[in-house]
PDB file of N, CA and C in Angstrom:
ATOM      1  N   UNK A   1      -3.720  18.267   7.164  1.00  0.00           N
ATOM      2  CA  UNK A   1      -4.959  17.455   7.173  1.00  0.00           C
ATOM      3  C   UNK A   1      -4.826  17.485   5.469  1.00  0.00           C
ATOM      4  N   UNK A   2      -5.270  16.275   4.814  1.00  0.00           N
ATOM      5  CA  UNK A   2      -5.072  16.579   3.182  1.00  0.00           C
ATOM      6  C   UNK A   2      -6.992  16.540   2.951  1.00  0.00           C
ATOM      7  N   UNK A   3      -7.354  15.232   3.746  1.00  0.00           N
ATOM      8  CA  UNK A   3      -8.365  15.178   3.313  1.00  0.00           C
ATOM      9  C   UNK A   3      -9.704  15.049   5.002  1.00  0.00           C
ATOM     10  N   UNK A   4     -10.863  15.608   4.391  1.00  0.00           N
ATOM     11  CA  UNK A   4     -12.371  15.135   5.616  1.00  0.00           C
ATOM     12  C   UNK A   4     -13.508  15.238   4.649  1.00  0.00           C
ATOM     13  N   UNK A   5     -14.267  14.068   5.649  1.00  0.00           N
ATOM     14  CA  UNK A   5     -15.148  14.364   4.382  1.00  0.00           C
ATOM     15  C   UNK A   5     -16.413  15.469   5.301  1.00  0.00           C
ATOM     16  N   UNK A   6     -17.249  16.010   4.225  1.00  0.00           N
ATOM     17  CA  UNK A   6     -17.885  16.697   4.639  1.00  0.00           C
ATOM     18  C   UNK A   6     -18.593  16.755   5.870  1.00  0.00           C
ATOM     19  N   UNK A   7     -19.127  15.326   6.909  1.00  0.00           N
ATOM     20  CA  UNK A   7     -19.714  15.117   7.915  1.00  0.00           C
ATOM     21  C   UNK A   7     -18.579  15.220   8.956  1.00  0.00           C
ATOM     22  N   UNK A   8     -17.670  14.429   8.440  1.00  0.00           N
ATOM     23  CA  UNK A   8     -16.301  15.148   9.492  1.00  0.00           C
ATOM     24  C   UNK A   8     -16.248  16.275   9.724  1.00  0.00           C
ATOM     25  N   UNK A   9     -15.903  17.192   8.683  1.00  0.00           N
ATOM     26  CA  UNK A   9     -16.033  18.948   9.097  1.00  0.00           C
ATOM     27  C   UNK A   9     -17.180  19.293   9.982  1.00  0.00           C
ATOM     28  N   UNK A  10     -18.082  18.571   9.498  1.00  0.00           N
ATOM     29  CA  UNK A  10     -19.514  19.331  10.257  1.00  0.00           C
ATOM     30  C   UNK A  10     -19.420  18.864  11.586  1.00  0.00           C
ATOM     31  N   UNK A  11     -18.651  17.502  11.765  1.00  0.00           N
ATOM     32  CA  UNK A  11     -18.520  17.050  13.496  1.00  0.00           C
ATOM     33  C   UNK A  11     -17.768  17.583  14.101  1.00  0.00           C
ATOM     34  N   UNK A  12     -16.475  18.185  13.737  1.00  0.00           N
ATOM     35  CA  UNK A  12     -15.375  18.755  14.195  1.00  0.00           C
ATOM     36  C   UNK A  12     -15.721  20.545  14.266  1.00  0.00           C
ATOM     37  N   UNK A  13     -16.884  20.988  14.084  1.00  0.00           N
ATOM     38  CA  UNK A  13     -17.187  22.053  14.608  1.00  0.00           C
ATOM     39  C   UNK A  13     -17.108  23.228  12.943  1.00  0.00           C
ATOM     40  N   UNK A  14     -16.608  22.815  12.177  1.00  0.00           N
ATOM     41  CA  UNK A  14     -16.648  23.645  10.887  1.00  0.00           C
ATOM     42  C   UNK A  14     -15.780  24.376  11.215  1.00  0.00           C
ATOM     43  N   UNK A  15     -15.863  25.811  10.408  1.00  0.00           N
ATOM     44  CA  UNK A  15     -15.567  26.916  10.919  1.00  0.00           C
ATOM     45  C   UNK A  15     -14.142  26.994   9.845  1.00  0.00           C
ATOM     46  N   UNK A  16     -13.170  27.924  10.227  1.00  0.00           N
ATOM     47  CA  UNK A  16     -11.608  27.745  10.138  1.00  0.00           C
ATOM     48  C   UNK A  16     -10.591  27.116  10.947  1.00  0.00           C
ATOM     49  N   UNK A  17     -11.346  27.083  12.510  1.00  0.00           N
ATOM     50  CA  UNK A  17      -9.988  27.019  13.705  1.00  0.00           C
ATOM     51  C   UNK A  17     -10.396  25.621  14.147  1.00  0.00           C
ATOM     52  N   UNK A  18     -11.190  24.773  13.402  1.00  0.00           N
ATOM     53  CA  UNK A  18     -11.123  22.981  13.940  1.00  0.00           C
ATOM     54  C   UNK A  18      -9.946  22.708  13.909  1.00  0.00           C
ATOM     55  N   UNK A  19      -9.185  22.762  12.677  1.00  0.00           N
ATOM     56  CA  UNK A  19      -7.747  22.491  12.322  1.00  0.00           C
ATOM     57  C   UNK A  19      -6.666  23.028  13.140  1.00  0.00           C
ATOM     58  N   UNK A  20      -6.502  23.714  13.694  1.00  0.00           N
ATOM     59  CA  UNK A  20      -5.913  24.301  14.673  1.00  0.00           C
ATOM     60  C   UNK A  20      -5.836  23.414  16.203  1.00  0.00           C
ATOM     61  N   UNK A  21      -7.089  23.186  16.380  1.00  0.00           N
ATOM     62  CA  UNK A  21      -7.827  22.970  17.499  1.00  0.00           C
ATOM     63  C   UNK A  21      -7.223  21.118  17.604  1.00  0.00           C
ATOM     64  N   UNK A  22      -7.336  20.961  17.000  1.00  0.00           N
ATOM     65  CA  UNK A  22      -7.311  18.817  16.772  1.00  0.00           C
ATOM     66  C   UNK A  22      -6.184  18.772  16.666  1.00  0.00           C
ATOM     67  N   UNK A  23      -4.962  19.481  15.699  1.00  0.00           N
ATOM     68  CA  UNK A  23      -3.630  19.277  15.548  1.00  0.00           C
ATOM     69  C   UNK A  23      -3.305  18.478  16.615  1.00  0.00           C
ATOM     70  N   UNK A  24      -2.382  18.860  18.023  1.00  0.00           N
ATOM     71  CA  UNK A  24      -1.696  18.308  18.911  1.00  0.00           C
ATOM     72  C   UNK A  24      -2.309  16.860  19.076  1.00  0.00           C
ATOM     73  N   UNK A  25      -3.859  16.846  19.281  1.00  0.00           N
ATOM     74  CA  UNK A  25      -4.244  15.669  19.062  1.00  0.00           C
ATOM     75  C   UNK A  25      -3.732  14.809  18.305  1.00  0.00           C
ATOM     76  N   UNK A  26      -4.147  14.961  17.107  1.00  0.00           N
ATOM     77  CA  UNK A  26      -3.867  14.332  15.657  1.00  0.00           C
ATOM     78  C   UNK A  26      -2.176  13.525  15.988  1.00  0.00           C
ATOM     79  N   UNK A  27      -1.686  14.605  16.235  1.00  0.00           N
ATOM     80  CA  UNK A  27       0.016  14.578  15.990  1.00  0.00           C
ATOM     81  C   UNK A  27       0.256  13.546  17.440  1.00  0.00           C
ATOM     82  N   UNK A  28      -0.432  13.275  18.104  1.00  0.00           N
ATOM     83  CA  UNK A  28       0.152  12.150  19.501  1.00  0.00           C
ATOM     84  C   UNK A  28      -0.383  10.960  19.253  1.00  0.00           C
ATOM     85  N   UNK A  29      -1.853  10.995  18.440  1.00  0.00           N
ATOM     86  CA  UNK A  29      -2.525   9.994  18.031  1.00  0.00           C
ATOM     87  C   UNK A  29      -1.227   8.815  16.850  1.00  0.00           C
ATOM     88  N   UNK A  30      -0.963   9.826  15.996  1.00  0.00           N
ATOM     89  CA  UNK A  30      -0.217   9.099  15.146  1.00  0.00           C
ATOM     90  C   UNK A  30       1.612   8.802  16.044  1.00  0.00           C
ATOM     91  N   UNK A  31       1.774   9.449  16.628  1.00  0.00           N
ATOM     92  CA  UNK A  31       2.780   9.148  16.941  1.00  0.00           C
ATOM     93  C   UNK A  31       2.867   7.827  17.913  1.00  0.00           C
ATOM     94  N   UNK A  32       1.509   7.753  18.605  1.00  0.00           N
ATOM     95  CA  UNK A  32       1.649   7.083  19.455  1.00  0.00           C
ATOM     96  C   UNK A  32       1.003   5.685  19.048  1.00  0.00           C
ATOM     97  N   UNK A  33       0.405   5.751  17.870  1.00  0.00           N
ATOM     98  CA  UNK A  33      -0.566   4.754  17.441  1.00  0.00           C
ATOM     99  C   UNK A  33      -1.700   4.740  18.202  1.00  0.00           C
ATOM    100  N   UNK A  34      -2.701   5.824  18.937  1.00  0.00           N
ATOM    101  CA  UNK A  34      -3.070   5.362  19.832  1.00  0.00           C
ATOM    102  C   UNK A  34      -4.719   5.168  19.389  1.00  0.00           C
ATOM    103  N   UNK A  35      -5.815   4.652  20.419  1.00  0.00           N
ATOM    104  CA  UNK A  35      -7.069   3.737  19.745  1.00  0.00           C
ATOM    105  C   UNK A  35      -7.889   5.042  20.934  1.00  0.00           C
ATOM    106  N   UNK A  36      -9.101   5.582  19.711  1.00  0.00           N
ATOM    107  CA  UNK A  36     -10.467   6.095  20.941  1.00  0.00           C
ATOM    108  C   UNK A  36      -9.994   6.992  21.677  1.00  0.00           C
ATOM    109  N   UNK A  37      -8.817   7.929  20.885  1.00  0.00           N
ATOM    110  CA  UNK A  37      -8.603   9.103  21.928  1.00  0.00           C
ATOM    111  C   UNK A  37      -9.741  10.486  21.548  1.00  0.00           C
ATOM    112  N   UNK A  38     -10.444  10.875  22.702  1.00  0.00           N
ATOM    113  CA  UNK A  38     -11.396  12.389  23.064  1.00  0.00           C
ATOM    114  C   UNK A  38     -10.882  13.208  21.886  1.00  0.00           C
ATOM    115  N   UNK A  39     -11.100  14.211  20.860  1.00  0.00           N
ATOM    116  CA  UNK A  39     -10.812  15.076  20.174  1.00  0.00           C
ATOM    117  C   UNK A  39     -11.295  16.623  21.249  1.00  0.00           C
ATOM    118  N   UNK A  40     -10.515  17.375  21.418  1.00  0.00           N
ATOM    119  CA  UNK A  40     -11.232  18.470  21.822  1.00  0.00           C
ATOM    120  C   UNK A  40     -11.938  19.606  21.014  1.00  0.00           C
ATOM    121  N   UNK A  41     -12.920  20.104  21.923  1.00  0.00           N
ATOM    122  CA  UNK A  41     -14.177  20.393  21.607  1.00  0.00           C
ATOM    123  C   UNK A  41     -15.257  19.968  21.028  1.00  0.00           C
ATOM    124  N   UNK A  42     -15.347  18.211  20.705  1.00  0.00           N
ATOM    125  CA  UNK A  42     -16.118  17.409  20.255  1.00  0.00           C
ATOM    126  C   UNK A  42     -16.276  16.437  21.151  1.00  0.00           C
ATOM    127  N   UNK A  43     -17.641  16.793  22.200  1.00  0.00           N
ATOM    128  CA  UNK A  43     -17.435  15.875  23.635  1.00  0.00           C
ATOM    129  C   UNK A  43     -17.705  14.364  23.227  1.00  0.00           C
ATOM    130  N   UNK A  44     -18.382  14.030  22.445  1.00  0.00           N
ATOM    131  CA  UNK A  44     -18.715  12.636  21.418  1.00  0.00           C
ATOM    132  C   UNK A  44     -17.563  12.022  20.667  1.00  0.00           C
ATOM    133  N   UNK A  45     -16.715  12.475  19.949  1.00  0.00           N
ATOM    134  CA  UNK A  45     -16.091  12.671  18.791  1.00  0.00           C
ATOM    135  C   UNK A  45     -14.741  12.246  19.252  1.00  0.00           C
ATOM    136  N   UNK A  46     -14.339  11.080  18.912  1.00  0.00           N
ATOM    137  CA  UNK A  46     -12.947   9.826  18.894  1.00  0.00           C
ATOM    138  C   UNK A  46     -12.026   9.761  17.978  1.00  0.00           C
ATOM    139  N   UNK A  47     -10.943  10.009  17.911  1.00  0.00           N
ATOM    140  CA  UNK A  47     -10.388   9.597  16.613  1.00  0.00           C
ATOM    141  C   UNK A  47      -9.301   8.148  16.993  1.00  0.00           C
ATOM    142  N   UNK A  48      -9.165   7.222  16.197  1.00  0.00           N
ATOM    143  CA  UNK A  48      -8.269   6.215  16.224  1.00  0.00           C
ATOM    144  C   UNK A  48      -6.855   6.299  14.584  1.00  0.00           C
ATOM    145  N   UNK A  49      -6.672   5.519  15.371  1.00  0.00           N
ATOM    146  CA  UNK A  49      -4.921   5.471  14.231  1.00  0.00           C
ATOM    147  C   UNK A  49      -5.401   4.128  13.789  1.00  0.00           C
ATOM    148  N   UNK A  50      -5.587   4.201  12.020  1.00  0.00           N
ATOM    149  CA  UNK A  50      -5.674   2.895  11.128  1.00  0.00           C
ATOM    150  C   UNK A  50      -4.396   2.910  10.584  1.00  0.00           C
ATOM    151  N   UNK A  51      -3.679   3.486  10.202  1.00  0.00           N
ATOM    152  CA  UNK A  51      -2.264   2.780   9.441  1.00  0.00           C
ATOM    153  C   UNK A  51      -1.964   4.027   8.837  1.00  0.00           C
ATOM    154  N   UNK A  52      -0.706   3.758   8.268  1.00  0.00           N
ATOM    155  CA  UNK A  52       0.081   4.905   6.968  1.00  0.00           C
ATOM    156  C   UNK A  52      -0.482   4.433   5.774  1.00  0.00           C
ATOM    157  N   UNK A  53      -1.021   5.515   5.077  1.00  0.00           N
ATOM    158  CA  UNK A  53      -1.673   5.129   3.444  1.00  0.00           C
ATOM    159  C   UNK A  53       0.021   5.276   2.806  1.00  0.00           C
ATOM    160  N   UNK A  54       0.400   6.418   2.749  1.00  0.00           N
ATOM    161  CA  UNK A  54       2.005   6.200   2.215  1.00  0.00           C
ATOM    162  C   UNK A  54       3.143   6.596   3.404  1.00  0.00           C
ATOM    163  N   UNK A  55       4.037   6.791   2.915  1.00  0.00           N
ATOM    164  CA  UNK A  55       5.480   7.686   3.736  1.00  0.00           C
ATOM    165  C   UNK A  55       4.616   8.569   4.511  1.00  0.00           C
ATOM    166  N   UNK A  56       4.315   9.350   5.258  1.00  0.00           N
ATOM    167  CA  UNK A  56       4.495  10.126   5.939  1.00  0.00           C
ATOM    168  C   UNK A  56       2.890  11.017   5.754  1.00  0.00           C
ATOM    169  N   UNK A  57       1.664   9.762   4.997  1.00  0.00           N
ATOM    170  CA  UNK A  57       0.435   9.819   5.298  1.00  0.00           C
ATOM    171  C   UNK A  57      -0.594   9.379   5.922  1.00  0.00           C
ATOM    172  N   UNK A  58      -1.103   9.426   7.065  1.00  0.00           N
ATOM    173  CA  UNK A  58      -1.810   8.494   8.231  1.00  0.00           C
ATOM    174  C   UNK A  58      -3.148   9.118   7.588  1.00  0.00           C
ATOM    175  N   UNK A  59      -4.055   7.377   8.096  1.00  0.00           N
ATOM    176  CA  UNK A  59      -5.172   7.132   8.072  1.00  0.00           C
ATOM    177  C   UNK A  59      -5.504   7.390   9.643  1.00  0.00           C
ATOM    178  N   UNK A  60      -6.713   8.120   9.913  1.00  0.00           N
ATOM    179  CA  UNK A  60      -7.445   8.249  10.833  1.00  0.00           C
ATOM    180  C   UNK A  60      -8.908   8.280  11.019  1.00  0.00           C
ATOM    181  N   UNK A  61      -9.696   7.631  11.875  1.00  0.00           N
ATOM    182  CA  UNK A  61     -10.657   7.246  11.266  1.00  0.00           C
ATOM    183  C   UNK A  61     -11.702   7.772  12.685  1.00  0.00           C
ATOM    184  N   UNK A  62     -12.569   9.057  12.523  1.00  0.00           N
ATOM    185  CA  UNK A  62     -13.091   9.362  13.501  1.00  0.00           C
ATOM    186  C   UNK A  62     -14.587   8.508  13.807  1.00  0.00           C
ATOM    187  N   UNK A  63     -14.685   9.062  15.496  1.00  0.00           N
ATOM    188  CA  UNK A  63     -15.845   7.820  15.468  1.00  0.00           C
ATOM    189  C   UNK A  63     -16.783   8.374  16.661  1.00  0.00           C
ATOM    190  N   UNK A  64     -18.193   8.717  15.861  1.00  0.00           N
ATOM    191  CA  UNK A  64     -19.045   9.324  17.019  1.00  0.00           C
ATOM    192  C   UNK A  64     -18.983   7.942  18.402  1.00  0.00           C
ATOM    193  N   UNK A  65     -18.705   8.730  19.676  1.00  0.00           N
ATOM    194  CA  UNK A  65     -19.208   7.624  20.533  1.00  0.00           C
ATOM    195  C   UNK A  65     -20.909   7.495  20.978  1.00  0.00           C
ATOM    196  N   UNK A  66     -21.702   8.280  20.145  1.00  0.00           N
ATOM    197  CA  UNK A  66     -23.527   7.974  20.506  1.00  0.00           C
ATOM    198  C   UNK A  66     -23.887   7.484  19.160  1.00  0.00           C
ATOM    199  N   UNK A  67     -23.150   6.871  18.222  1.00  0.00           N
ATOM    200  CA  UNK A  67     -23.979   6.240  17.232  1.00  0.00           C
ATOM    201  C   UNK A  67     -23.644   4.904  17.878  1.00  0.00           C
ATOM    202  N   UNK A  68     -24.611   4.190  16.833  1.00  0.00           N
ATOM    203  CA  UNK A  68     -24.878   2.742  16.599  1.00  0.00           C
ATOM    204  C   UNK A  68     -23.583   2.107  16.360  1.00  0.00           C
ATOM    205  N   UNK A  69     -23.207   0.756  17.369  1.00  0.00           N
ATOM    206  CA  UNK A  69     -22.030  -0.003  16.560  1.00  0.00           C
ATOM    207  C   UNK A  69     -22.325  -0.871  15.693  1.00  0.00           C
ATOM    208  N   UNK A  70     -20.876  -1.001  15.156  1.00  0.00           N
ATOM    209  CA  UNK A  70     -20.698  -1.463  13.548  1.00  0.00           C
ATOM    210  C   UNK A  70     -21.946  -2.879  13.485  1.00  0.00           C
ATOM    211  N   UNK A  71     -21.839  -3.545  14.436  1.00  0.00           N
ATOM    212  CA  UNK A  71     -22.153  -4.447  14.434  1.00  0.00           C
ATOM    213  C   UNK A  71     -24.346  -4.706  14.674  1.00  0.00           C
ATOM    214  N   UNK A  72     -24.379  -3.728  15.340  1.00  0.00           N
ATOM    215  CA  UNK A  72     -25.679  -3.298  15.798  1.00  0.00           C
ATOM    216  C   UNK A  72     -26.381  -2.448  14.280  1.00  0.00           C
ATOM    217  N   UNK A  73     -25.524  -2.129  13.231  1.00  0.00           N
ATOM    218  CA  UNK A  73     -26.035  -1.774  12.430  1.00  0.00           C
ATOM    219  C   UNK A  73     -25.950  -3.040  11.105  1.00  0.00           C
ATOM    220  N   UNK A  74     -25.466  -3.613  10.947  1.00  0.00           N
ATOM    221  CA  UNK A  74     -25.223  -4.956  10.289  1.00  0.00           C
ATOM    222  C   UNK A  74     -26.765  -5.809  11.005  1.00  0.00           C
ATOM    223  N   UNK A  75     -26.703  -5.859  11.984  1.00  0.00           N
ATOM    224  CA  UNK A  75     -27.905  -6.508  12.616  1.00  0.00           C
ATOM    225  C   UNK A  75     -29.194  -5.803  11.981  1.00  0.00           C
ATOM    226  N   UNK A  76     -29.378  -5.348  12.392  1.00  0.00           N
ATOM    227  CA  UNK A  76     -30.669  -3.906  11.808  1.00  0.00           C
ATOM    228  C   UNK A  76     -30.633  -3.807  10.314  1.00  0.00           C
ATOM    229  N   UNK A  77     -29.762  -3.984   9.983  1.00  0.00           N
ATOM    230  CA  UNK A  77     -29.786  -3.754   7.665  1.00  0.00           C
ATOM    231  C   UNK A  77     -30.016  -5.119   7.249  1.00  0.00           C
ATOM    232  N   UNK A  78     -29.136  -6.273   7.748  1.00  0.00           N
ATOM    233  CA  UNK A  78     -29.470  -7.821   7.281  1.00  0.00           C
ATOM    234  C   UNK A  78     -30.038  -8.642   8.050  1.00  0.00           C
ATOM    235  N   UNK A  79     -31.018  -8.315   9.130  1.00  0.00           N
ATOM    236  CA  UNK A  79     -31.565  -9.118  10.191  1.00  0.00           C
ATOM    237  C   UNK A  79     -30.937 -10.107  10.212  1.00  0.00           C
ATOM    238  N   UNK A  80     -29.647 -10.044  11.024  1.00  0.00           N
ATOM    239  CA  UNK A  80     -28.686 -11.393  11.641  1.00  0.00           C
ATOM    240  C   UNK A  80     -29.001 -11.138  12.915  1.00  0.00           C
ATOM    241  N   UNK A  81     -28.278 -12.403  13.584  1.00  0.00           N
ATOM    242  CA  UNK A  81     -28.348 -12.427  15.021  1.00  0.00           C
ATOM    243  C   UNK A  81     -27.243 -11.179  15.506  1.00  0.00           C
ATOM    244  N   UNK A  82     -27.007 -11.408  16.592  1.00  0.00           N
ATOM    245  CA  UNK A  82     -26.316 -10.582  17.458  1.00  0.00           C
ATOM    246  C   UNK A  82     -24.297 -11.403  16.839  1.00  0.00           C
ATOM    247  N   UNK A  83     -24.626 -12.674  16.957  1.00  0.00           N
ATOM    248  CA  UNK A  83     -23.375 -13.584  16.610  1.00  0.00           C
ATOM    249  C   UNK A  83     -22.925 -13.383  15.259  1.00  0.00           C
ATOM    250  N   UNK A  84     -24.087 -13.714  14.330  1.00  0.00           N
ATOM    251  CA  UNK A  84     -23.671 -13.275  13.062  1.00  0.00           C
ATOM    252  C   UNK A  84     -23.427 -12.132  12.978  1.00  0.00           C
ATOM    253  N   UNK A  85     -23.997 -10.519  13.542  1.00  0.00           N
ATOM    254  CA  UNK A  85     -23.465  -9.523  13.234  1.00  0.00           C
ATOM    255  C   UNK A  85     -22.192  -9.474  13.592  1.00  0.00           C
ATOM    256  N   UNK A  86     -21.424  -9.971  14.775  1.00  0.00           N
ATOM    257  CA  UNK A  86     -20.011  -9.923  15.456  1.00  0.00           C
ATOM    258  C   UNK A  86     -18.970 -10.699  14.128  1.00  0.00           C
ATOM    259  N   UNK A  87     -19.427 -11.955  13.328  1.00  0.00           N
ATOM    260  CA  UNK A  87     -18.838 -12.042  12.859  1.00  0.00           C
ATOM    261  C   UNK A  87     -18.434 -11.285  12.055  1.00  0.00           C
ATOM    262  N   UNK A  88     -19.715 -11.162  10.954  1.00  0.00           N
ATOM    263  CA  UNK A  88     -19.679 -10.127   9.652  1.00  0.00           C
ATOM    264  C   UNK A  88     -18.250  -9.336   9.801  1.00  0.00           C
ATOM    265  N   UNK A  89     -18.479  -8.214  11.189  1.00  0.00           N
ATOM    266  CA  UNK A  89     -17.585  -6.867  12.017  1.00  0.00           C
ATOM    267  C   UNK A  89     -16.487  -7.827  11.416  1.00  0.00           C
ATOM    268  N   UNK A  90     -16.025  -8.891  12.285  1.00  0.00           N
ATOM    269  CA  UNK A  90     -14.372  -9.091  12.086  1.00  0.00           C
ATOM    270  C   UNK A  90     -14.126  -9.609  10.657  1.00  0.00           C
ATOM    271  N   UNK A  91     -14.994 -10.361  10.133  1.00  0.00           N
ATOM    272  CA  UNK A  91     -14.725 -10.705   8.442  1.00  0.00           C
ATOM    273  C   UNK A  91     -14.651  -9.451   7.717  1.00  0.00           C
ATOM    274  N   UNK A  92     -14.706  -8.984   7.932  1.00  0.00           N
ATOM    275  CA  UNK A  92     -14.927  -7.694   6.993  1.00  0.00           C
ATOM    276  C   UNK A  92     -13.808  -6.245   7.146  1.00  0.00           C
ATOM    277  N   UNK A  93     -13.398  -6.602   8.679  1.00  0.00           N
ATOM    278  CA  UNK A  93     -12.329  -5.967   8.960  1.00  0.00           C
ATOM    279  C   UNK A  93     -11.134  -6.728   8.374  1.00  0.00           C
ATOM    280  N   UNK A  94     -11.150  -8.054   8.032  1.00  0.00           N
ATOM    281  CA  UNK A  94     -10.001  -8.396   7.275  1.00  0.00           C
ATOM    282  C   UNK A  94      -9.321  -9.868   7.662  1.00  0.00           C
ATOM    283  N   UNK A  95      -9.977 -10.183   9.063  1.00  0.00           N
ATOM    284  CA  UNK A  95      -9.674 -11.378  10.330  1.00  0.00           C
ATOM    285  C   UNK A  95      -9.857 -12.522   9.565  1.00  0.00           C
ATOM    286  N   UNK A  96      -9.077 -13.455   9.435  1.00  0.00           N
ATOM    287  CA  UNK A  96      -9.352 -14.846   8.944  1.00  0.00           C
ATOM    288  C   UNK A  96     -10.174 -15.701   9.907  1.00  0.00           C
ATOM    289  N   UNK A  97     -11.016 -16.752   9.630  1.00  0.00           N
ATOM    290  CA  UNK A  97     -11.538 -17.449  10.427  1.00  0.00           C
ATOM    291  C   UNK A  97     -11.178 -18.196  11.661  1.00  0.00           C
ATOM    292  N   UNK A  98     -10.369 -18.351  11.120  1.00  0.00           N
ATOM    293  CA  UNK A  98      -9.379 -18.446  12.713  1.00  0.00           C
ATOM    294  C   UNK A  98      -9.215 -17.484  13.983  1.00  0.00           C
ATOM    295  N   UNK A  99      -8.782 -16.209  12.783  1.00  0.00           N
ATOM    296  CA  UNK A  99      -8.639 -15.412  14.102  1.00  0.00           C
ATOM    297  C   UNK A  99     -10.116 -14.947  14.572  1.00  0.00           C
ATOM    298  N   UNK A 100     -10.882 -14.498  14.009  1.00  0.00           N
ATOM    299  CA  UNK A 100     -12.324 -14.623  14.345  1.00  0.00           C
ATOM    300  C   UNK A 100     -12.864 -15.248  15.260  1.00  0.00           C
ATOM    301  N   UNK A 101     -12.620 -16.800  15.099  1.00  0.00           N
ATOM    302  CA  UNK A 101     -12.960 -17.714  16.237  1.00  0.00           C
ATOM    303  C   UNK A 101     -11.931 -17.214  17.606  1.00  0.00           C
ATOM    304  N   UNK A 102     -10.701 -16.942  17.352  1.00  0.00           N
ATOM    305  CA  UNK A 102     -10.326 -16.550  18.853  1.00  0.00           C
ATOM    306  C   UNK A 102     -11.008 -15.549  19.470  1.00  0.00           C
ATOM    307  N   UNK A 103     -11.114 -14.177  18.146  1.00  0.00           N
ATOM    308  CA  UNK A 103     -11.396 -13.160  19.214  1.00  0.00           C
ATOM    309  C   UNK A 103     -13.120 -13.454  20.200  1.00  0.00           C
ATOM    310  N   UNK A 104     -13.309 -14.384  19.367  1.00  0.00           N
ATOM    311  CA  UNK A 104     -14.796 -14.201  19.617  1.00  0.00           C
ATOM    312  C   UNK A 104     -14.959 -15.616  20.663  1.00  0.00           C
ATOM    313  N   UNK A 105     -13.940 -16.178  20.802  1.00  0.00           N
ATOM    314  CA  UNK A 105     -14.133 -17.199  21.906  1.00  0.00           C
ATOM    315  C   UNK A 105     -15.175 -18.436  21.873  1.00  0.00           C
ATOM    316  N   UNK A 106     -14.609 -18.787  20.370  1.00  0.00           N
ATOM    317  CA  UNK A 106     -15.116 -20.552  19.834  1.00  0.00           C
ATOM    318  C   UNK A 106     -14.516 -20.809  18.866  1.00  0.00           C
ATOM    319  N   UNK A 107     -14.696 -21.722  18.088  1.00  0.00           N
ATOM    320  CA  UNK A 107     -14.174 -22.662  16.924  1.00  0.00           C
ATOM    321  C   UNK A 107     -14.154 -22.014  15.838  1.00  0.00           C
ATOM    322  N   UNK A 108     -13.582 -22.279  15.190  1.00  0.00           N
ATOM    323  CA  UNK A 108     -13.191 -21.907  13.125  1.00  0.00           C
ATOM    324  C   UNK A 108     -14.359 -22.570  12.450  1.00  0.00           C
ATOM    325  N   UNK A 109     -15.221 -23.906  13.282  1.00  0.00           N
ATOM    326  CA  UNK A 109     -15.945 -24.321  12.621  1.00  0.00           C
ATOM    327  C   UNK A 109     -17.125 -23.398  13.149  1.00  0.00           C
ATOM    328  N   UNK A 110     -17.264 -23.165  14.254  1.00  0.00           N
ATOM    329  CA  UNK A 110     -18.330 -22.335  14.593  1.00  0.00           C
ATOM    330  C   UNK A 110     -18.401 -21.004  13.548  1.00  0.00           C
ATOM    331  N   UNK A 111     -17.549 -20.384  13.243  1.00  0.00           N
ATOM    332  CA  UNK A 111     -17.651 -19.117  12.304  1.00  0.00           C
ATOM    333  C   UNK A 111     -17.870 -19.751  11.247  1.00  0.00           C
ATOM    334  N   UNK A 112     -17.391 -20.886  10.618  1.00  0.00           N
ATOM    335  CA  UNK A 112     -18.032 -21.753   9.180  1.00  0.00           C
ATOM    336  C   UNK A 112     -19.386 -21.331   9.240  1.00  0.00           C
ATOM    337  N   UNK A 113     -20.114 -21.983  10.081  1.00  0.00           N
ATOM    338  CA  UNK A 113     -21.393 -22.087  10.735  1.00  0.00           C
ATOM    339  C   UNK A 113     -21.746 -21.271  10.625  1.00  0.00           C
ATOM    340  N   UNK A 114     -21.935 -19.651  11.267  1.00  0.00           N
ATOM    341  CA  UNK A 114     -22.141 -18.602  11.269  1.00  0.00           C
ATOM    342  C   UNK A 114     -22.412 -17.898   9.688  1.00  0.00           C
ATOM    343  N   UNK A 115     -20.927 -17.769   8.965  1.00  0.00           N
ATOM    344  CA  UNK A 115     -20.788 -17.441   7.641  1.00  0.00           C
ATOM    345  C   UNK A 115     -22.067 -18.006   6.416  1.00  0.00           C
ATOM    346  N   UNK A 116     -22.504 -19.334   6.595  1.00  0.00           N
ATOM    347  CA  UNK A 116     -23.401 -19.937   5.740  1.00  0.00           C
ATOM    348  C   UNK A 116     -24.495 -19.227   6.044  1.00  0.00           C
ATOM    349  N   UNK A 117     -25.140 -18.940   7.568  1.00  0.00           N
ATOM    350  CA  UNK A 117     -26.339 -18.415   7.485  1.00  0.00           C
ATOM    351  C   UNK A 117     -26.046 -17.208   7.458  1.00  0.00           C
ATOM    352  N   UNK A 118     -25.040 -16.419   7.241  1.00  0.00           N
ATOM    353  CA  UNK A 118     -25.032 -15.023   6.790  1.00  0.00           C
ATOM    354  C   UNK A 118     -24.767 -14.714   5.231  1.00  0.00           C
ATOM    355  N   UNK A 119     -24.481 -15.498   4.658  1.00  0.00           N
ATOM    356  CA  UNK A 119     -24.457 -15.999   3.343  1.00  0.00           C
ATOM    357  C   UNK A 119     -25.804 -15.979   2.424  1.00  0.00           C
ATOM    358  N   UNK A 120     -26.403 -16.739   3.499  1.00  0.00           N
ATOM    359  CA  UNK A 120     -28.330 -17.314   3.074  1.00  0.00           C
ATOM    360  C   UNK A 120     -28.862 -15.821   3.058  1.00  0.00           C
ATOM    361  N   UNK A 121     -28.295 -15.188   4.516  1.00  0.00           N
ATOM    362  CA  UNK A 121     -29.372 -14.018   4.819  1.00  0.00           C
ATOM    363  C   UNK A 121     -29.054 -12.342   3.585  1.00  0.00           C
ATOM    364  N   UNK A 122     -28.006 -12.536   2.878  1.00  0.00           N
ATOM    365  CA  UNK A 122     -26.930 -11.751   1.875  1.00  0.00           C
ATOM    366  C   UNK A 122     -27.429 -12.043   0.874  1.00  0.00           C
ATOM    367  N   UNK A 123     -27.897 -13.225   0.422  1.00  0.00           N
ATOM    368  CA  UNK A 123     -28.064 -13.402  -0.862  1.00  0.00           C
ATOM    369  C   UNK A 123     -26.836 -13.618  -1.516  1.00  0.00           C
ATOM    370  N   UNK A 124     -25.635 -13.999  -0.823  1.00  0.00           N
ATOM    371  CA  UNK A 124     -24.230 -14.365  -1.541  1.00  0.00           C
ATOM    372  C   UNK A 124     -24.144 -15.734  -1.920  1.00  0.00           C
TER     373      UNK A 124
END
């Protein structure tokens, strides 16, 4: 493991032996490109494969199952509707309007309308 945020180390139990405890699970995640695998010793902590930064260097995301969802945070911080927050989450993840429309089962034009409202609320 090359880098972990201080909060990540804290959530993984701190100390010196957390790396050895989770190494086999992380290797399985990378090998199988698995999502949302519960980490040993951390009842609400899950890991997901994000991608390969460089050959042999992998990015993993740690997620606390008890934490609010991304859309809930956006909704609260920016005073968005549920649907606007969902649209913003997918756009922020790099999805096109057409892809976001397919994911949310609506038309690309509807996504455009939601984005108009989002832009106004974010003063963009």
